Amino acid sequence: MTPAPTTLLDAALRGMLLALLLVLVLVLGRDRPRLLAARAGLLLALGLCIQVIGSMPLFEATVPRAWQSPFVAISVGNAVLFWVFVRALFDDDFALRPLHIASWLAVAVLAAFNCAMVAGSASVVAPITVGIQRAVPLVFAVLAAMAAASQWRADLVEGRRRLRVFIVVTGVGYSIGMLVVRLASPRGQLSGPSATADAAMLLLIVAVVTWQMVRLAGSEFFPAAQAPAVIPPVMPGGPAQSAEESSNPRPAEPGPAAEPASDPAEDRLAASLQHAMAVEHTYRSEDLSIATLAARLSVPEYRLRRLINQRLGHRNFNAFVNGFRLAEATAALADSSKRELPVLTIALTAGFQSIGPFNRAFKAATGLTPTEFRRKKLAES
């Protein structure tokens, strides 16, 4: 018996989708195997492979539900993995926590339980557990969209900025669309045409992401491996420090930067930026943004973003600004003449809006709390 055209189309789409996902696995495993974003993306790609197989209409119609439960568990758990992947991809400081693992386990166990024991039964808990499962993709799609949209303007990596918009639009759109289709389908299973449409939409999304990963995996998409930023020591009265340097501390170095551009216009912009930050102390402004700084320097925003990213080696505008703020705070904390000045006052003067973000940023940069750092430096002086 000759397969129907829709069946052949569905099989072709799923075959292409599996091939692209495996390419993505190879790229992520080859280029950045130790990065959390790459590992999360690799696990998500493998999970989507399981989802592509488990959502085939023939598989759903013929395989016993108990045997389908691992496939369903992984498929629903992909929503959590997608959220973790987005967080890790767009936040260079993201760290995997027990909450993320517990969320995936809870969702996977719930989905497996529903598939094997609850779905299609007259159990009184069925409406609750199945309802929670159906809400999971939408909830985590919204969380992923919020993570992708967060600090969009502060992101200096142009490729990532474009992908943020793509993920917000397609991630939420796909999740809502599939939720509506499954709610309208008997037992939540996809019919032939809707399953093919699902495979086609997923193929489009994965194709774009895979292309971006293949094209950018070795350059701007993932951060280069580098040691944690270290605030240059600013010791009042030190032999290598002038009075001007004491009042105009330099920011922490982010790591090796690109070679300086030879464009005279870029050179002038770099000089203007250095003057605004180190001499005029523009970083002390609490509401400083890439847009306001570009307006202050009378340049288009994209030129300033490109300069800070490609020439100075920073991937996030807030991290760039905090480098100057931390350098000033470090100098003040090490200054014996300011030993009575409260840490909060030093943080607010440097441009931080509250003590919490200052403490976290300071410890991340130095390995010490501001109080510990001050005690250590004053004891050495």
Protein backbone atom coordinates (compact mmCIF):
# COMPACT_ATOMS: atom_id res chain seq x y z
CA MET A 1 0.00 0.00 0.00
CA THR A 2 1.43 3.36 -1.05
CA PRO A 3 1.83 5.85 1.83
CA ALA A 4 -0.33 8.98 1.65
CA PRO A 5 1.40 12.18 0.47
CA THR A 6 0.91 13.76 3.90
CA THR A 7 2.62 10.78 5.53
CA LEU A 8 5.57 11.07 3.18
CA LEU A 9 5.76 14.83 3.79
CA ASP A 10 5.65 14.30 7.54
CA ALA A 11 8.42 11.70 7.37
CA ALA A 12 10.56 13.96 5.17
CA LEU A 13 10.15 16.93 7.50
CA ARG A 14 10.98 14.85 10.54
CA GLY A 15 14.02 13.37 8.81
CA MET A 16 15.36 16.83 7.97
CA LEU A 17 14.59 18.02 11.49
CA LEU A 18 16.47 15.12 13.07
CA ALA A 19 19.44 15.73 10.77
CA LEU A 20 19.58 19.43 11.70
CA LEU A 21 19.30 18.64 15.40
CA LEU A 22 22.19 16.18 15.13
CA VAL A 23 24.25 18.84 13.31
CA LEU A 24 23.50 21.20 16.17
CA VAL A 25 24.61 18.56 18.67
CA LEU A 26 27.89 18.10 16.82
CA VAL A 27 28.55 21.84 16.56
CA LEU A 28 27.84 22.51 20.22
CA GLY A 29 29.81 19.49 21.40
CA ARG A 30 32.75 20.36 19.17
CA ASP A 31 33.11 24.11 19.60
CA ARG A 32 32.19 24.87 23.22
CA PRO A 33 31.85 21.59 25.15
CA ARG A 34 32.57 23.17 28.54
CA LEU A 35 30.21 26.13 28.31
CA LEU A 36 26.90 25.81 30.13
CA ALA A 37 24.99 27.35 27.20
CA ALA A 38 26.46 24.79 24.81
CA ARG A 39 25.69 21.90 27.15
CA ALA A 40 22.12 23.10 27.66
CA GLY A 41 21.69 23.50 23.91
CA LEU A 42 23.10 20.03 23.30
CA LEU A 43 20.69 18.45 25.80
CA LEU A 44 17.79 20.41 24.32
CA ALA A 45 18.68 19.24 20.80
CA LEU A 46 18.80 15.62 21.96
CA GLY A 47 15.51 16.10 23.79
CA LEU A 48 13.93 17.50 20.64
CA CYS A 49 15.11 14.42 18.76
CA ILE A 50 13.11 12.30 21.21
CA GLN A 51 10.16 14.69 20.86
CA VAL A 52 10.22 14.48 17.05
CA ILE A 53 10.03 10.68 17.22
CA GLY A 54 7.48 10.52 20.03
CA SER A 55 5.07 12.99 18.39
CA MET A 56 4.72 10.99 15.17
CA PRO A 57 1.01 10.14 14.69
CA LEU A 58 1.84 6.50 13.96
CA PHE A 59 3.94 6.27 17.13
CA GLU A 60 1.20 7.83 19.27
CA ALA A 61 -1.47 5.59 17.74
CA THR A 62 0.30 2.22 17.96
CA VAL A 63 2.75 2.28 20.88
CA PRO A 64 1.27 1.46 24.33
CA ARG A 65 0.94 4.51 26.55
CA ALA A 66 3.23 3.06 29.22
CA TRP A 67 5.99 2.83 26.62
CA GLN A 68 5.24 6.32 25.40
CA SER A 69 5.67 7.81 28.87
CA PRO A 70 9.50 8.31 28.65
CA PHE A 71 9.08 10.06 25.30
CA VAL A 72 6.31 12.28 26.70
CA ALA A 73 8.35 13.02 29.84
CA ILE A 74 11.34 14.20 27.80
CA SER A 75 9.14 16.12 25.35
CA VAL A 76 7.41 18.10 28.09
CA GLY A 77 10.71 18.52 29.95
CA ASN A 78 12.09 20.22 26.84
CA ALA A 79 10.15 23.32 27.87
CA VAL A 80 12.32 23.59 30.97
CA LEU A 81 15.48 22.88 28.98
CA PHE A 82 14.53 25.61 26.52
CA TRP A 83 14.20 28.08 29.39
CA VAL A 84 17.59 27.07 30.83
CA PHE A 85 19.21 27.25 27.38
CA VAL A 86 17.88 30.77 26.80
CA ARG A 87 19.04 31.89 30.24
CA ALA A 88 22.52 30.47 29.68
CA LEU A 89 22.80 31.80 26.13
CA PHE A 90 21.85 35.39 26.86
CA ASP A 91 23.31 35.81 30.34
CA ASP A 92 27.08 35.26 30.47
CA ASP A 93 26.90 35.12 34.28
CA PHE A 94 24.13 32.50 34.45
CA ALA A 95 24.83 29.53 36.72
CA LEU A 96 22.91 26.26 36.84
CA ARG A 97 21.21 25.79 40.22
CA PRO A 98 19.35 22.92 41.90
CA LEU A 99 16.09 24.72 41.14
CA HIS A 100 16.61 24.27 37.39
CA ILE A 101 17.30 20.53 37.72
CA ALA A 102 14.39 20.07 40.15
CA SER A 103 12.05 21.88 37.74
CA TRP A 104 12.98 19.53 34.89
CA LEU A 105 12.59 16.44 37.08
CA ALA A 106 9.21 17.59 38.42
CA VAL A 107 7.87 18.30 34.95
CA ALA A 108 9.21 15.02 33.50
CA VAL A 109 7.79 12.92 36.36
CA LEU A 110 4.42 14.63 36.07
CA ALA A 111 4.27 14.07 32.31
CA ALA A 112 5.30 10.41 32.63
CA PHE A 113 2.70 9.84 35.36
CA ASN A 114 -0.03 11.46 33.29
CA CYS A 115 0.84 9.43 30.21
CA ALA A 116 1.11 6.05 31.94
CA MET A 117 -1.55 6.31 34.63
CA VAL A 118 -3.89 9.27 34.30
CA ALA A 119 -4.59 10.21 30.67
CA GLY A 120 -7.88 8.80 29.44
CA SER A 121 -8.89 7.55 32.89
CA ALA A 122 -11.72 8.63 35.15
CA SER A 123 -9.34 9.63 37.94
CA VAL A 124 -10.39 12.68 39.92
CA VAL A 125 -6.85 14.05 39.72
CA ALA A 126 -6.75 13.83 35.93
CA PRO A 127 -8.11 17.35 35.24
CA ILE A 128 -5.57 18.83 37.67
CA THR A 129 -2.42 16.96 36.65
CA VAL A 130 -3.18 17.06 32.93
CA GLY A 131 -4.06 20.74 33.19
CA ILE A 132 -0.74 21.48 34.87
CA GLN A 133 1.12 19.52 32.21
CA ARG A 134 -0.58 21.43 29.41
CA ALA A 135 0.28 24.73 31.08
CA VAL A 136 3.98 23.84 31.44
CA PRO A 137 5.08 24.66 27.84
CA LEU A 138 3.34 28.04 27.94
CA VAL A 139 4.69 28.97 31.38
CA PHE A 140 8.29 28.16 30.49
CA ALA A 141 7.97 29.74 27.04
CA VAL A 142 6.94 32.98 28.75
CA LEU A 143 9.85 32.65 31.20
CA ALA A 144 12.22 32.05 28.28
CA ALA A 145 10.82 35.05 26.42
CA MET A 146 11.29 37.22 29.51
CA ALA A 147 14.89 36.00 29.81
CA ALA A 148 15.53 36.72 26.13
CA ALA A 149 14.00 40.19 26.38
CA SER A 150 15.84 41.02 29.60
CA GLN A 151 18.72 43.46 29.12
CA TRP A 152 18.19 43.40 25.36
CA ARG A 153 19.46 46.95 25.00
CA ALA A 154 22.50 46.24 27.19
CA ASP A 155 23.60 43.29 25.03
CA LEU A 156 26.51 44.41 22.87
CA VAL A 157 26.69 41.26 20.70
CA GLU A 158 24.67 42.08 17.60
CA GLY A 159 24.07 38.45 16.60
CA ARG A 160 22.66 37.64 20.01
CA ARG A 161 20.45 40.73 19.97
CA ARG A 162 18.79 39.61 16.74
CA LEU A 163 18.36 36.08 18.02
CA ARG A 164 16.70 37.39 21.18
CA VAL A 165 13.88 38.87 19.10
CA PHE A 166 13.55 35.67 17.06
CA ILE A 167 13.30 33.51 20.18
CA VAL A 168 10.76 35.78 21.85
CA VAL A 169 8.48 35.75 18.80
CA THR A 170 8.83 32.14 17.65
CA GLY A 171 9.25 30.51 21.07
CA VAL A 172 6.08 31.96 22.53
CA GLY A 173 4.20 31.66 19.23
CA TYR A 174 5.08 27.99 18.80
CA SER A 175 4.21 27.13 22.40
CA ILE A 176 0.84 28.88 22.27
CA GLY A 177 0.03 27.40 18.87
CA MET A 178 0.80 23.82 19.91
CA LEU A 179 -1.07 24.26 23.19
CA VAL A 180 -4.20 25.38 21.33
CA VAL A 181 -3.92 22.52 18.84
CA ARG A 182 -3.49 19.86 21.55
CA LEU A 183 -6.37 21.26 23.60
CA ALA A 184 -8.58 20.93 20.52
CA SER A 185 -7.38 17.37 19.75
CA PRO A 186 -8.85 14.16 21.21
CA ARG A 187 -6.75 13.00 24.20
CA GLY A 188 -4.30 15.80 23.41
CA GLN A 189 -2.79 13.90 20.48
CA LEU A 190 -1.94 15.55 17.16
CA SER A 191 -3.75 14.54 14.00
CA GLY A 192 -1.87 13.92 10.75
CA PRO A 193 -2.04 17.49 9.37
CA SER A 194 -1.43 19.16 12.73
CA ALA A 195 1.53 16.84 13.43
CA THR A 196 3.01 17.75 10.06
CA ALA A 197 2.47 21.45 10.76
CA ASP A 198 4.15 20.98 14.14
CA ALA A 199 7.18 19.36 12.49
CA ALA A 200 7.33 22.12 9.86
CA MET A 201 7.27 24.93 12.43
CA LEU A 202 9.86 23.23 14.60
CA LEU A 203 12.02 22.62 11.53
CA LEU A 204 11.93 26.32 10.65
CA ILE A 205 12.91 27.40 14.16
CA VAL A 206 15.69 24.82 14.48
CA ALA A 207 17.01 25.66 11.00
CA VAL A 208 17.42 29.34 11.90
CA VAL A 209 19.03 28.57 15.27
CA THR A 210 21.32 25.94 13.74
CA TRP A 211 22.42 28.35 11.02
CA GLN A 212 23.20 31.01 13.61
CA MET A 213 25.10 28.52 15.75
CA VAL A 214 27.12 27.15 12.85
CA ARG A 215 27.94 30.64 11.61
CA LEU A 216 28.68 32.25 14.96
CA ALA A 217 29.59 29.42 17.36
CA GLY A 218 33.28 30.17 17.14
CA SER A 219 33.07 33.93 17.41
CA GLU A 220 30.52 36.28 18.93
CA PHE A 221 27.80 33.89 20.04
CA PHE A 222 29.63 32.30 22.95
CA PRO A 223 32.09 34.09 25.24
CA ALA A 224 35.74 33.17 24.89
CA ALA A 225 37.23 31.29 27.81
CA GLN A 226 38.87 33.86 30.02
CA ALA A 227 39.91 34.35 33.61
CA PRO A 228 37.58 36.32 35.91
CA ALA A 229 38.00 40.07 35.66
CA VAL A 230 40.40 41.47 38.23
CA ILE A 231 40.13 45.03 39.45
CA PRO A 232 43.54 46.69 39.02
CA PRO A 233 44.92 47.56 42.44
CA VAL A 234 44.58 51.24 43.21
CA MET A 235 46.58 51.95 46.34
CA PRO A 236 46.63 55.56 47.45
CA GLY A 237 50.12 56.91 47.43
CA GLY A 238 51.53 53.87 45.64
CA PRO A 239 54.70 54.40 43.62
CA ALA A 240 53.09 53.65 40.28
CA GLN A 241 49.98 55.75 40.85
CA SER A 242 49.67 59.42 40.18
CA ALA A 243 47.10 61.72 41.73
CA GLU A 244 45.16 61.76 38.48
CA GLU A 245 45.08 57.96 38.38
CA SER A 246 43.80 57.86 41.96
CA SER A 247 40.83 60.06 41.07
CA ASN A 248 40.25 58.38 37.69
CA PRO A 249 40.53 54.63 38.22
CA ARG A 250 40.44 52.32 35.26
CA PRO A 251 37.79 49.60 34.85
CA ALA A 252 38.48 45.91 35.13
CA GLU A 253 39.85 44.33 31.99
CA PRO A 254 37.38 41.87 30.41
CA GLY A 255 40.06 39.75 28.78
CA PRO A 256 41.83 39.90 25.41
CA ALA A 257 40.10 42.37 23.13
CA ALA A 258 40.11 42.68 19.39
CA GLU A 259 42.86 44.60 17.65
CA PRO A 260 42.17 48.36 17.63
CA ALA A 261 40.51 49.62 14.50
CA SER A 262 42.54 51.81 12.18
CA ASP A 263 39.55 54.00 11.34
CA PRO A 264 40.31 57.56 12.55
CA ALA A 265 36.62 58.10 13.34
CA GLU A 266 36.64 55.05 15.59
CA ASP A 267 39.83 56.28 17.24
CA ARG A 268 38.18 59.62 18.01
CA LEU A 269 35.11 57.88 19.37
CA ALA A 270 37.26 55.65 21.56
CA ALA A 271 39.07 58.71 22.93
CA SER A 272 35.77 60.50 23.58
CA LEU A 273 34.40 57.45 25.36
CA GLN A 274 37.49 57.14 27.55
CA HIS A 275 37.30 60.85 28.44
CA ALA A 276 33.58 60.64 29.28
CA MET A 277 34.05 57.63 31.53
CA ALA A 278 37.44 58.17 33.16
CA VAL A 279 37.56 61.99 33.37
CA GLU A 280 33.93 63.12 33.44
CA HIS A 281 32.88 60.08 35.52
CA THR A 282 29.78 59.51 33.41
CA TYR A 283 29.50 56.02 34.92
CA ARG A 284 28.32 57.57 38.19
CA SER A 285 24.94 58.34 36.63
CA GLU A 286 22.42 55.82 37.98
CA ASP A 287 20.29 55.85 34.82
CA LEU A 288 23.19 55.52 32.38
CA SER A 289 22.29 53.41 29.34
CA ILE A 290 23.82 52.72 25.95
CA ALA A 291 21.28 55.14 24.45
CA THR A 292 22.03 58.02 26.84
CA LEU A 293 25.78 57.54 26.51
CA ALA A 294 25.52 57.49 22.70
CA ALA A 295 23.48 60.70 22.83
CA ARG A 296 26.08 62.28 25.12
CA LEU A 297 28.83 61.38 22.63
CA SER A 298 26.65 62.44 19.64
CA VAL A 299 27.05 59.10 17.82
CA PRO A 300 24.57 56.48 16.64
CA GLU A 301 23.90 53.80 19.23
CA TYR A 302 25.06 50.98 16.96
CA ARG A 303 28.52 52.59 16.55
CA LEU A 304 29.03 52.86 20.28
CA ARG A 305 27.81 49.30 20.80
CA ARG A 306 30.18 48.02 18.12
CA LEU A 307 33.13 49.94 19.61
CA ILE A 308 32.63 48.63 23.15
CA ASN A 309 32.07 45.08 21.93
CA GLN A 310 34.54 44.62 19.09
CA ARG A 311 37.31 47.01 20.12
CA LEU A 312 37.16 46.93 23.92
CA GLY A 313 36.06 43.30 24.21
CA HIS A 314 32.93 43.71 26.35
CA ARG A 315 29.75 41.70 25.69
CA ASN A 316 27.38 43.59 28.00
CA PHE A 317 27.05 47.34 28.51
CA ASN A 318 26.21 47.05 32.20
CA ALA A 319 29.35 44.99 32.82
CA PHE A 320 31.40 47.60 30.97
CA VAL A 321 30.02 50.42 33.13
CA ASN A 322 30.32 48.41 36.35
CA GLY A 323 34.02 47.97 35.64
CA PHE A 324 34.53 51.71 36.14
CA ARG A 325 32.24 51.77 39.18
CA LEU A 326 34.04 48.87 40.82
CA ALA A 327 37.43 50.42 40.14
CA GLU A 328 36.39 53.64 41.91
CA ALA A 329 34.87 51.72 44.81
CA THR A 330 37.98 49.57 45.13
CA ALA A 331 40.20 52.65 45.34
CA ALA A 332 37.97 54.21 47.98
CA LEU A 333 37.85 51.05 50.10
CA ALA A 334 41.65 50.79 50.01
CA ASP A 335 42.10 54.45 50.97
CA SER A 336 42.95 54.78 54.68
CA SER A 337 41.67 58.38 54.71
CA LYS A 338 38.17 57.05 53.89
CA ARG A 339 38.10 54.26 56.46
CA GLU A 340 35.12 55.86 58.25
CA LEU A 341 33.11 56.29 55.04
CA PRO A 342 30.24 53.74 54.94
CA VAL A 343 30.38 51.10 52.24
CA LEU A 344 26.90 52.15 51.09
CA THR A 345 28.07 55.71 50.52
CA ILE A 346 31.01 54.49 48.47
CA ALA A 347 28.73 52.27 46.37
CA LEU A 348 26.18 55.03 45.73
CA THR A 349 28.90 57.55 44.88
CA ALA A 350 30.36 55.16 42.32
CA GLY A 351 26.98 54.84 40.59
CA PHE A 352 25.41 51.71 42.06
CA GLN A 353 21.74 52.11 42.90
CA SER A 354 21.73 49.90 46.01
CA ILE A 355 24.04 47.87 48.21
CA GLY A 356 22.86 44.41 47.01
CA PRO A 357 23.99 44.63 43.36
CA PHE A 358 27.21 46.31 44.50
CA ASN A 359 28.06 43.53 46.95
CA ARG A 360 27.38 40.81 44.36
CA ALA A 361 29.37 42.54 41.63
CA PHE A 362 32.26 43.30 43.99
CA LYS A 363 32.54 39.75 45.27
CA ALA A 364 32.32 38.34 41.75
CA ALA A 365 35.21 40.58 40.68
CA THR A 366 37.48 40.25 43.75
CA GLY A 367 36.38 37.12 45.57
CA LEU A 368 35.84 39.21 48.73
CA THR A 369 33.00 41.25 50.16
CA PRO A 370 33.62 45.02 50.26
CA THR A 371 34.11 44.87 54.05
CA GLU A 372 36.59 41.99 53.79
CA PHE A 373 38.47 43.77 51.01
CA ARG A 374 38.68 47.01 53.01
CA ARG A 375 39.89 45.21 56.14
CA LYS A 376 42.54 43.33 54.17
CA LYS A 377 43.86 46.38 52.31
CA LEU A 378 43.92 48.66 55.36
CA ALA A 379 45.78 46.01 57.31
CA GLU A 380 48.43 45.89 54.59
CA SER A 381 48.88 49.67 54.43
